[in-house]
Amino acid sequence: MTSPLGLGTYAFFWEGAATLPTGPNPRPLPLTGMIERTAEAGLALFQICDYAPLATFSAAELQEVRETADRLGVRLELGTKGVAPAHLASYLELAAVLGASYVRSMLFAPDSRPTIPEAERMLREALPAYEAADVQLGLETYEQVSSTELVDLVRRIGSPSLGICLDPANTVAGLENPREVVERCAPYVTGIHVKDFAFSRRDGWVGFTLAGARMGEGLLDYPHLVDTVDADARGLSRIVEHWLPWQGDLAATVELERDWTSHNIDYLKEH
């Protein structure tokens, strides 16, 4: 078994954005265009993650997305935020329409910050439907909830449809060591978000900026990650993402975004 490699909407963060630091994007890349670009890169997996327009898609627009993916041989995954049962149920319905068997989420949503006991209650209510549909729910590691709390929650619930979407870059802001996060989460990982990251001094050497880097040029110990979680043997999907800062104008930013995507795909294929 091999670990499938794919792109996510965060790999098209600037090219697909409707709004830019300078104002509206005159021609944002549509979702179908991202899927087509994924296929052109020789990949067969695409994750629609935190893509706000998806909630407004009509049945016809969703069908177009599904047909585009099917025509190009691209398998779809979904991503959202929050664990409210009604919200997770809506994404389970979307998963059925789009043929997705993986939904990534986070404990907190923009309008909801449940306590760990509240989140556990919500998940226990939502998960039987995921189990019945054979859809996996992956809770992402990030700075607002420690990886220890997340692992304890997943272990305590013990559902075959609940696991962890591993992104050690996110946890740095919570003062967690990425290698320790990888090792702690490894048995429960069901999907991986792959992005490199680095610190750089701000102007005047006052503080640091934590931002993205091209794979192999930052602080992510990628070999340790894939070896520790046994990604290939377990067939864990690896979704390419970026933390690419705005480069001053759209053309320069999109050019660099495409360069990072191409480089990162090549790097991950070689490693």
C-alpha atoms as a PDB file:
ATOM      1  CA  MET A   1       0.000   0.000   0.000  1.00  0.00           C
ATOM      2  CA  THR A   2       1.242   3.524  -0.720  1.00  0.00           C
ATOM      3  CA  SER A   3       0.347   6.850   0.816  1.00  0.00           C
ATOM      4  CA  PRO A   4      -1.809   8.787  -1.684  1.00  0.00           C
ATOM      5  CA  LEU A   5      -0.627  12.313  -2.438  1.00  0.00           C
ATOM      6  CA  GLY A   6      -3.045  15.138  -3.208  1.00  0.00           C
ATOM      7  CA  LEU A   7      -3.639  18.873  -3.207  1.00  0.00           C
ATOM      8  CA  GLY A   8      -6.031  20.855  -1.071  1.00  0.00           C
ATOM      9  CA  THR A   9      -7.723  24.210  -1.452  1.00  0.00           C
ATOM     10  CA  TYR A  10      -4.997  25.737   0.746  1.00  0.00           C
ATOM     11  CA  ALA A  11      -2.555  25.032  -2.103  1.00  0.00           C
ATOM     12  CA  PHE A  12      -4.657  27.515  -4.106  1.00  0.00           C
ATOM     13  CA  PHE A  13      -5.141  29.942  -1.228  1.00  0.00           C
ATOM     14  CA  TRP A  14      -4.314  33.079  -3.236  1.00  0.00           C
ATOM     15  CA  GLU A  15      -5.263  32.012  -6.740  1.00  0.00           C
ATOM     16  CA  GLY A  16      -8.654  30.810  -5.567  1.00  0.00           C
ATOM     17  CA  ALA A  17      -9.389  33.653  -3.149  1.00  0.00           C
ATOM     18  CA  ALA A  18     -12.367  35.878  -3.869  1.00  0.00           C
ATOM     19  CA  THR A  19     -10.872  38.715  -1.812  1.00  0.00           C
ATOM     20  CA  LEU A  20      -7.218  39.808  -1.758  1.00  0.00           C
ATOM     21  CA  PRO A  21      -5.333  42.316   0.446  1.00  0.00           C
ATOM     22  CA  THR A  22      -5.745  44.776  -2.412  1.00  0.00           C
ATOM     23  CA  GLY A  23      -9.442  44.132  -2.972  1.00  0.00           C
ATOM     24  CA  PRO A  24     -11.569  41.689  -4.972  1.00  0.00           C
ATOM     25  CA  ASN A  25      -9.812  39.040  -7.056  1.00  0.00           C
ATOM     26  CA  PRO A  26     -10.897  39.700 -10.635  1.00  0.00           C
ATOM     27  CA  ARG A  27     -10.707  36.031 -11.673  1.00  0.00           C
ATOM     28  CA  PRO A  28     -10.495  33.587  -8.756  1.00  0.00           C
ATOM     29  CA  LEU A  29      -9.757  30.014  -9.792  1.00  0.00           C
ATOM     30  CA  PRO A  30     -12.994  28.019  -9.391  1.00  0.00           C
ATOM     31  CA  LEU A  31     -13.186  24.746  -7.520  1.00  0.00           C
ATOM     32  CA  THR A  32     -13.442  22.770 -10.757  1.00  0.00           C
ATOM     33  CA  GLY A  33     -10.279  24.520 -11.933  1.00  0.00           C
ATOM     34  CA  MET A  34      -8.440  23.387  -8.794  1.00  0.00           C
ATOM     35  CA  ILE A  35      -9.517  19.806  -9.463  1.00  0.00           C
ATOM     36  CA  GLU A  36      -8.350  20.090 -13.067  1.00  0.00           C
ATOM     37  CA  ARG A  37      -4.995  21.489 -11.907  1.00  0.00           C
ATOM     38  CA  THR A  38      -4.676  18.559  -9.501  1.00  0.00           C
ATOM     39  CA  ALA A  39      -5.173  16.084 -12.330  1.00  0.00           C
ATOM     40  CA  GLU A  40      -2.711  17.991 -14.540  1.00  0.00           C
ATOM     41  CA  ALA A  41      -0.116  17.537 -11.771  1.00  0.00           C
ATOM     42  CA  GLY A  42      -0.599  13.779 -12.029  1.00  0.00           C
ATOM     43  CA  LEU A  43      -2.420  13.485  -8.702  1.00  0.00           C
ATOM     44  CA  ALA A  44      -5.685  11.692  -7.984  1.00  0.00           C
ATOM     45  CA  LEU A  45      -6.735  13.248  -4.663  1.00  0.00           C
ATOM     46  CA  PHE A  46      -8.124  16.699  -3.830  1.00  0.00           C
ATOM     47  CA  GLN A  47      -9.354  17.997  -0.468  1.00  0.00           C
ATOM     48  CA  ILE A  48     -11.978  20.776  -0.428  1.00  0.00           C
ATOM     49  CA  CYS A  49     -11.009  22.264   2.924  1.00  0.00           C
ATOM     50  CA  ASP A  50     -12.458  25.394   4.587  1.00  0.00           C
ATOM     51  CA  TYR A  51     -13.832  26.476   1.208  1.00  0.00           C
ATOM     52  CA  ALA A  52     -16.612  28.866   2.210  1.00  0.00           C
ATOM     53  CA  PRO A  53     -18.400  29.040  -1.181  1.00  0.00           C
ATOM     54  CA  LEU A  54     -19.173  25.306  -0.973  1.00  0.00           C
ATOM     55  CA  ALA A  55     -21.967  26.030   1.510  1.00  0.00           C
ATOM     56  CA  THR A  56     -23.726  28.137  -1.112  1.00  0.00           C
ATOM     57  CA  PHE A  57     -23.415  25.673  -4.006  1.00  0.00           C
ATOM     58  CA  SER A  58     -26.622  24.563  -5.661  1.00  0.00           C
ATOM     59  CA  ALA A  59     -27.323  20.902  -6.368  1.00  0.00           C
ATOM     60  CA  ALA A  60     -26.282  21.509  -9.976  1.00  0.00           C
ATOM     61  CA  GLU A  61     -22.990  23.100  -8.934  1.00  0.00           C
ATOM     62  CA  LEU A  62     -22.204  20.224  -6.574  1.00  0.00           C
ATOM     63  CA  GLN A  63     -22.971  17.784  -9.359  1.00  0.00           C
ATOM     64  CA  GLU A  64     -20.568  19.649 -11.640  1.00  0.00           C
ATOM     65  CA  VAL A  65     -17.813  19.308  -9.035  1.00  0.00           C
ATOM     66  CA  ARG A  66     -18.521  15.583  -8.659  1.00  0.00           C
ATOM     67  CA  GLU A  67     -18.627  15.035 -12.429  1.00  0.00           C
ATOM     68  CA  THR A  68     -15.367  16.942 -12.933  1.00  0.00           C
ATOM     69  CA  ALA A  69     -13.622  14.839 -10.306  1.00  0.00           C
ATOM     70  CA  ASP A  70     -15.049  11.578 -11.653  1.00  0.00           C
ATOM     71  CA  ARG A  71     -14.108  12.456 -15.230  1.00  0.00           C
ATOM     72  CA  LEU A  72     -10.524  13.202 -14.240  1.00  0.00           C
ATOM     73  CA  GLY A  73     -10.170  10.275 -11.830  1.00  0.00           C
ATOM     74  CA  VAL A  74      -9.696  12.538  -8.812  1.00  0.00           C
ATOM     75  CA  ARG A  75     -10.978  11.344  -5.445  1.00  0.00           C
ATOM     76  CA  LEU A  76     -12.453  14.068  -3.222  1.00  0.00           C
ATOM     77  CA  GLU A  77     -12.139  14.731   0.490  1.00  0.00           C
ATOM     78  CA  LEU A  78     -13.824  17.463   2.535  1.00  0.00           C
ATOM     79  CA  GLY A  79     -12.754  19.820   5.295  1.00  0.00           C
ATOM     80  CA  THR A  80     -14.645  22.087   7.671  1.00  0.00           C
ATOM     81  CA  LYS A  81     -14.505  23.517  11.194  1.00  0.00           C
ATOM     82  CA  GLY A  82     -16.612  22.643  14.213  1.00  0.00           C
ATOM     83  CA  VAL A  83     -18.202  19.545  15.727  1.00  0.00           C
ATOM     84  CA  ALA A  84     -21.822  20.603  16.216  1.00  0.00           C
ATOM     85  CA  PRO A  85     -23.898  17.535  15.280  1.00  0.00           C
ATOM     86  CA  ALA A  86     -26.075  19.387  12.765  1.00  0.00           C
ATOM     87  CA  HIS A  87     -23.008  20.835  11.062  1.00  0.00           C
ATOM     88  CA  LEU A  88     -21.238  17.491  10.863  1.00  0.00           C
ATOM     89  CA  ALA A  89     -24.454  15.946   9.537  1.00  0.00           C
ATOM     90  CA  SER A  90     -24.543  18.539   6.750  1.00  0.00           C
ATOM     91  CA  TYR A  91     -20.999  17.634   5.756  1.00  0.00           C
ATOM     92  CA  LEU A  92     -21.859  13.968   5.793  1.00  0.00           C
ATOM     93  CA  GLU A  93     -24.593  14.775   3.280  1.00  0.00           C
ATOM     94  CA  LEU A  94     -22.070  16.701   1.170  1.00  0.00           C
ATOM     95  CA  ALA A  95     -19.702  13.739   1.374  1.00  0.00           C
ATOM     96  CA  ALA A  96     -22.406  11.486  -0.046  1.00  0.00           C
ATOM     97  CA  VAL A  97     -23.077  13.882  -2.929  1.00  0.00           C
ATOM     98  CA  LEU A  98     -19.390  14.312  -3.753  1.00  0.00           C
ATOM     99  CA  GLY A  99     -18.319  10.734  -3.147  1.00  0.00           C
ATOM    100  CA  ALA A 100     -15.971  11.685  -0.302  1.00  0.00           C
ATOM    101  CA  SER A 101     -15.049   9.228   2.436  1.00  0.00           C
ATOM    102  CA  TYR A 102     -12.973  11.629   4.571  1.00  0.00           C
ATOM    103  CA  VAL A 103     -14.043  14.793   6.375  1.00  0.00           C
ATOM    104  CA  ARG A 104     -11.480  16.856   8.253  1.00  0.00           C
ATOM    105  CA  SER A 105     -12.692  19.155  11.027  1.00  0.00           C
ATOM    106  CA  MET A 106     -11.524  21.076  14.083  1.00  0.00           C
ATOM    107  CA  LEU A 107     -13.072  21.254  17.538  1.00  0.00           C
ATOM    108  CA  PHE A 108     -13.637  24.998  17.273  1.00  0.00           C
ATOM    109  CA  ALA A 109     -15.662  26.824  14.640  1.00  0.00           C
ATOM    110  CA  PRO A 110     -15.717  30.606  14.146  1.00  0.00           C
ATOM    111  CA  ASP A 111     -18.937  30.823  16.159  1.00  0.00           C
ATOM    112  CA  SER A 112     -18.416  27.925  18.574  1.00  0.00           C
ATOM    113  CA  ARG A 113     -15.736  27.084  21.147  1.00  0.00           C
ATOM    114  CA  PRO A 114     -16.987  24.047  23.091  1.00  0.00           C
ATOM    115  CA  THR A 115     -15.232  22.705  26.131  1.00  0.00           C
ATOM    116  CA  ILE A 116     -13.665  19.275  25.737  1.00  0.00           C
ATOM    117  CA  PRO A 117     -16.623  17.568  27.525  1.00  0.00           C
ATOM    118  CA  GLU A 118     -19.065  19.465  25.286  1.00  0.00           C
ATOM    119  CA  ALA A 119     -17.103  18.483  22.182  1.00  0.00           C
ATOM    120  CA  GLU A 120     -17.106  14.860  23.301  1.00  0.00           C
ATOM    121  CA  ARG A 121     -20.877  14.909  23.717  1.00  0.00           C
ATOM    122  CA  MET A 122     -21.310  16.440  20.257  1.00  0.00           C
ATOM    123  CA  LEU A 123     -19.000  13.933  18.611  1.00  0.00           C
ATOM    124  CA  ARG A 124     -20.668  10.953  20.278  1.00  0.00           C
ATOM    125  CA  GLU A 125     -23.977  12.217  18.885  1.00  0.00           C
ATOM    126  CA  ALA A 126     -22.645  12.760  15.362  1.00  0.00           C
ATOM    127  CA  LEU A 127     -20.389   9.741  14.889  1.00  0.00           C
ATOM    128  CA  PRO A 128     -22.933   6.884  14.569  1.00  0.00           C
ATOM    129  CA  ALA A 129     -24.048   8.345  11.224  1.00  0.00           C
ATOM    130  CA  TYR A 130     -20.414   8.540  10.060  1.00  0.00           C
ATOM    131  CA  GLU A 131     -19.872   4.946  11.101  1.00  0.00           C
ATOM    132  CA  ALA A 132     -22.991   3.811   9.231  1.00  0.00           C
ATOM    133  CA  ALA A 133     -21.852   5.679   6.088  1.00  0.00           C
ATOM    134  CA  ASP A 134     -18.247   4.418   6.402  1.00  0.00           C
ATOM    135  CA  VAL A 135     -16.932   7.996   6.353  1.00  0.00           C
ATOM    136  CA  GLN A 136     -13.875   8.942   8.406  1.00  0.00           C
ATOM    137  CA  LEU A 137     -13.859  12.132  10.506  1.00  0.00           C
ATOM    138  CA  GLY A 138     -10.365  13.495  11.163  1.00  0.00           C
ATOM    139  CA  LEU A 139      -9.843  16.158  13.857  1.00  0.00           C
ATOM    140  CA  GLU A 140      -6.896  18.380  12.989  1.00  0.00           C
ATOM    141  CA  THR A 141      -4.042  19.240  15.317  1.00  0.00           C
ATOM    142  CA  TYR A 142      -3.804  22.977  15.874  1.00  0.00           C
ATOM    143  CA  GLU A 143      -2.738  25.491  18.481  1.00  0.00           C
ATOM    144  CA  GLN A 144      -6.100  26.105  20.157  1.00  0.00           C
ATOM    145  CA  VAL A 145      -6.360  22.551  21.531  1.00  0.00           C
ATOM    146  CA  SER A 146      -3.273  20.705  22.702  1.00  0.00           C
ATOM    147  CA  SER A 147      -2.369  17.464  20.979  1.00  0.00           C
ATOM    148  CA  THR A 148      -2.543  15.721  24.364  1.00  0.00           C
ATOM    149  CA  GLU A 149      -6.176  16.805  24.789  1.00  0.00           C
ATOM    150  CA  LEU A 150      -6.982  15.813  21.211  1.00  0.00           C
ATOM    151  CA  VAL A 151      -5.432  12.350  21.538  1.00  0.00           C
ATOM    152  CA  ASP A 152      -7.188  11.779  24.862  1.00  0.00           C
ATOM    153  CA  LEU A 153     -10.516  12.773  23.303  1.00  0.00           C
ATOM    154  CA  VAL A 154     -10.133  10.483  20.288  1.00  0.00           C
ATOM    155  CA  ARG A 155      -8.960   7.602  22.473  1.00  0.00           C
ATOM    156  CA  ARG A 156     -11.801   8.065  24.944  1.00  0.00           C
ATOM    157  CA  ILE A 157     -14.507   8.074  22.254  1.00  0.00           C
ATOM    158  CA  GLY A 158     -12.975   5.042  20.564  1.00  0.00           C
ATOM    159  CA  SER A 159     -14.956   5.248  17.311  1.00  0.00           C
ATOM    160  CA  PRO A 160     -13.587   3.521  14.189  1.00  0.00           C
ATOM    161  CA  SER A 161     -14.721   6.609  12.246  1.00  0.00           C
ATOM    162  CA  LEU A 162     -12.808   9.124  14.389  1.00  0.00           C
ATOM    163  CA  GLY A 163      -9.116   9.896  14.050  1.00  0.00           C
ATOM    164  CA  ILE A 164      -6.623  12.728  13.779  1.00  0.00           C
ATOM    165  CA  CYS A 165      -5.667  14.846  10.793  1.00  0.00           C
ATOM    166  CA  LEU A 166      -2.015  15.513  11.541  1.00  0.00           C
ATOM    167  CA  ASP A 167      -0.531  18.952  10.852  1.00  0.00           C
ATOM    168  CA  PRO A 168       2.403  19.534  13.192  1.00  0.00           C
ATOM    169  CA  ALA A 169       3.029  23.023  11.770  1.00  0.00           C
ATOM    170  CA  ASN A 170      -0.167  24.283  13.405  1.00  0.00           C
ATOM    171  CA  THR A 171       0.874  23.220  16.890  1.00  0.00           C
ATOM    172  CA  VAL A 172       4.040  25.346  16.976  1.00  0.00           C
ATOM    173  CA  ALA A 173       1.924  28.383  17.896  1.00  0.00           C
ATOM    174  CA  GLY A 174       0.762  26.445  20.969  1.00  0.00           C
ATOM    175  CA  LEU A 175       4.411  25.960  22.010  1.00  0.00           C
ATOM    176  CA  GLU A 176       4.337  22.258  21.188  1.00  0.00           C
ATOM    177  CA  ASN A 177       7.351  20.519  19.681  1.00  0.00           C
ATOM    178  CA  PRO A 178       6.332  19.187  16.237  1.00  0.00           C
ATOM    179  CA  ARG A 179       8.275  15.922  16.615  1.00  0.00           C
ATOM    180  CA  GLU A 180       6.584  15.230  19.953  1.00  0.00           C
ATOM    181  CA  VAL A 181       3.183  15.991  18.420  1.00  0.00           C
ATOM    182  CA  VAL A 182       3.848  13.524  15.597  1.00  0.00           C
ATOM    183  CA  GLU A 183       4.888  10.797  18.031  1.00  0.00           C
ATOM    184  CA  ARG A 184       1.946  11.426  20.360  1.00  0.00           C
ATOM    185  CA  CYS A 185      -0.652  11.406  17.580  1.00  0.00           C
ATOM    186  CA  ALA A 186       0.832   8.648  15.406  1.00  0.00           C
ATOM    187  CA  PRO A 187      -1.476   5.740  16.364  1.00  0.00           C
ATOM    188  CA  TYR A 188      -4.579   7.831  15.694  1.00  0.00           C
ATOM    189  CA  VAL A 189      -3.580   9.587  12.457  1.00  0.00           C
ATOM    190  CA  THR A 190      -5.967   9.042   9.543  1.00  0.00           C
ATOM    191  CA  GLY A 191      -4.773  11.841   7.255  1.00  0.00           C
ATOM    192  CA  ILE A 192      -1.897  14.317   6.942  1.00  0.00           C
ATOM    193  CA  HIS A 193      -1.672  17.980   5.963  1.00  0.00           C
ATOM    194  CA  VAL A 194       1.840  18.571   4.648  1.00  0.00           C
ATOM    195  CA  LYS A 195       3.438  22.000   4.737  1.00  0.00           C
ATOM    196  CA  ASP A 196       6.895  23.165   5.704  1.00  0.00           C
ATOM    197  CA  PHE A 197       7.381  26.207   7.914  1.00  0.00           C
ATOM    198  CA  ALA A 198      10.094  28.470   9.261  1.00  0.00           C
ATOM    199  CA  PHE A 199      10.682  31.396  11.579  1.00  0.00           C
ATOM    200  CA  SER A 200      12.189  34.621  10.274  1.00  0.00           C
ATOM    201  CA  ARG A 201      13.187  37.815  12.077  1.00  0.00           C
ATOM    202  CA  ARG A 202      10.866  40.762  11.598  1.00  0.00           C
ATOM    203  CA  ASP A 203      12.162  44.146  10.486  1.00  0.00           C
ATOM    204  CA  GLY A 204      14.454  45.622  13.093  1.00  0.00           C
ATOM    205  CA  TRP A 205      14.885  42.164  14.645  1.00  0.00           C
ATOM    206  CA  VAL A 206      11.839  42.795  16.826  1.00  0.00           C
ATOM    207  CA  GLY A 207      10.137  39.427  17.099  1.00  0.00           C
ATOM    208  CA  PHE A 208       9.643  36.627  14.575  1.00  0.00           C
ATOM    209  CA  THR A 209       7.237  35.651  11.819  1.00  0.00           C
ATOM    210  CA  LEU A 210       6.137  32.026  11.543  1.00  0.00           C
ATOM    211  CA  ALA A 211       5.302  31.388   7.903  1.00  0.00           C
ATOM    212  CA  GLY A 212       5.461  28.740   5.228  1.00  0.00           C
ATOM    213  CA  ALA A 213       8.500  27.472   3.385  1.00  0.00           C
ATOM    214  CA  ARG A 214       9.097  25.225   0.420  1.00  0.00           C
ATOM    215  CA  MET A 215       9.326  21.568   1.411  1.00  0.00           C
ATOM    216  CA  GLY A 216      12.784  20.661   2.621  1.00  0.00           C
ATOM    217  CA  GLU A 217      13.755  24.274   3.275  1.00  0.00           C
ATOM    218  CA  GLY A 218      12.034  24.784   6.634  1.00  0.00           C
ATOM    219  CA  LEU A 219      11.782  23.116  10.028  1.00  0.00           C
ATOM    220  CA  LEU A 220       9.423  20.216   9.289  1.00  0.00           C
ATOM    221  CA  ASP A 221      11.169  16.873   9.789  1.00  0.00           C
ATOM    222  CA  TYR A 222       9.198  15.173   7.053  1.00  0.00           C
ATOM    223  CA  PRO A 223      11.083  11.829   7.069  1.00  0.00           C
ATOM    224  CA  HIS A 224      10.426  11.535  10.806  1.00  0.00           C
ATOM    225  CA  LEU A 225       6.740  12.290  10.238  1.00  0.00           C
ATOM    226  CA  VAL A 226       6.072   9.694   7.549  1.00  0.00           C
ATOM    227  CA  ASP A 227       8.192   7.050   9.263  1.00  0.00           C
ATOM    228  CA  THR A 228       6.584   7.588  12.668  1.00  0.00           C
ATOM    229  CA  VAL A 229       2.996   7.417  11.420  1.00  0.00           C
ATOM    230  CA  ASP A 230       3.883   4.588   8.993  1.00  0.00           C
ATOM    231  CA  ALA A 231       2.138   6.530   6.237  1.00  0.00           C
ATOM    232  CA  ASP A 232       2.765   4.165   3.320  1.00  0.00           C
ATOM    233  CA  ALA A 233       1.879   0.953   5.124  1.00  0.00           C
ATOM    234  CA  ARG A 234      -1.348   2.513   6.408  1.00  0.00           C
ATOM    235  CA  GLY A 235      -2.210   4.302   3.142  1.00  0.00           C
ATOM    236  CA  LEU A 236      -2.598   7.683   4.853  1.00  0.00           C
ATOM    237  CA  SER A 237      -3.431  10.527   2.491  1.00  0.00           C
ATOM    238  CA  ARG A 238      -0.965  13.434   2.312  1.00  0.00           C
ATOM    239  CA  ILE A 239      -2.536  16.763   1.344  1.00  0.00           C
ATOM    240  CA  VAL A 240      -0.211  19.533   0.149  1.00  0.00           C
ATOM    241  CA  GLU A 241      -0.912  22.932   1.720  1.00  0.00           C
ATOM    242  CA  HIS A 242       0.952  26.236   1.962  1.00  0.00           C
ATOM    243  CA  TRP A 243       1.441  29.104   4.375  1.00  0.00           C
ATOM    244  CA  LEU A 244       2.547  31.484   1.642  1.00  0.00           C
ATOM    245  CA  PRO A 245       2.658  35.193   2.631  1.00  0.00           C
ATOM    246  CA  TRP A 246       1.256  37.794   0.256  1.00  0.00           C
ATOM    247  CA  GLN A 247       4.009  38.927  -2.126  1.00  0.00           C
ATOM    248  CA  GLY A 248       2.736  42.438  -2.827  1.00  0.00           C
ATOM    249  CA  ASP A 249       0.650  41.750  -5.920  1.00  0.00           C
ATOM    250  CA  LEU A 250      -1.488  38.934  -7.273  1.00  0.00           C
ATOM    251  CA  ALA A 251       0.714  37.919 -10.196  1.00  0.00           C
ATOM    252  CA  ALA A 252       3.854  37.510  -8.079  1.00  0.00           C
ATOM    253  CA  THR A 253       1.965  35.689  -5.318  1.00  0.00           C
ATOM    254  CA  VAL A 254       0.251  33.241  -7.678  1.00  0.00           C
ATOM    255  CA  GLU A 255       3.521  32.583  -9.516  1.00  0.00           C
ATOM    256  CA  LEU A 256       5.252  31.695  -6.250  1.00  0.00           C
ATOM    257  CA  GLU A 257       2.245  29.668  -5.079  1.00  0.00           C
ATOM    258  CA  ARG A 258       2.423  27.566  -8.251  1.00  0.00           C
ATOM    259  CA  ASP A 259       6.180  27.191  -7.842  1.00  0.00           C
ATOM    260  CA  TRP A 260       5.765  25.943  -4.271  1.00  0.00           C
ATOM    261  CA  THR A 261       3.081  23.484  -5.341  1.00  0.00           C
ATOM    262  CA  SER A 262       5.223  22.049  -8.140  1.00  0.00           C
ATOM    263  CA  HIS A 263       8.305  21.857  -5.925  1.00  0.00           C
ATOM    264  CA  ASN A 264       6.430  20.281  -3.019  1.00  0.00           C
ATOM    265  CA  ILE A 265       4.823  17.621  -5.213  1.00  0.00           C
ATOM    266  CA  ASP A 266       8.243  16.673  -6.599  1.00  0.00           C
ATOM    267  CA  TYR A 267       9.763  16.655  -3.108  1.00  0.00           C
ATOM    268  CA  LEU A 268       7.053  14.427  -1.669  1.00  0.00           C
ATOM    269  CA  LYS A 269       7.253  12.023  -4.598  1.00  0.00           C
ATOM    270  CA  GLU A 270      10.980  11.678  -3.998  1.00  0.00           C
ATOM    271  CA  HIS A 271      10.681  11.274  -0.233  1.00  0.00           C
END
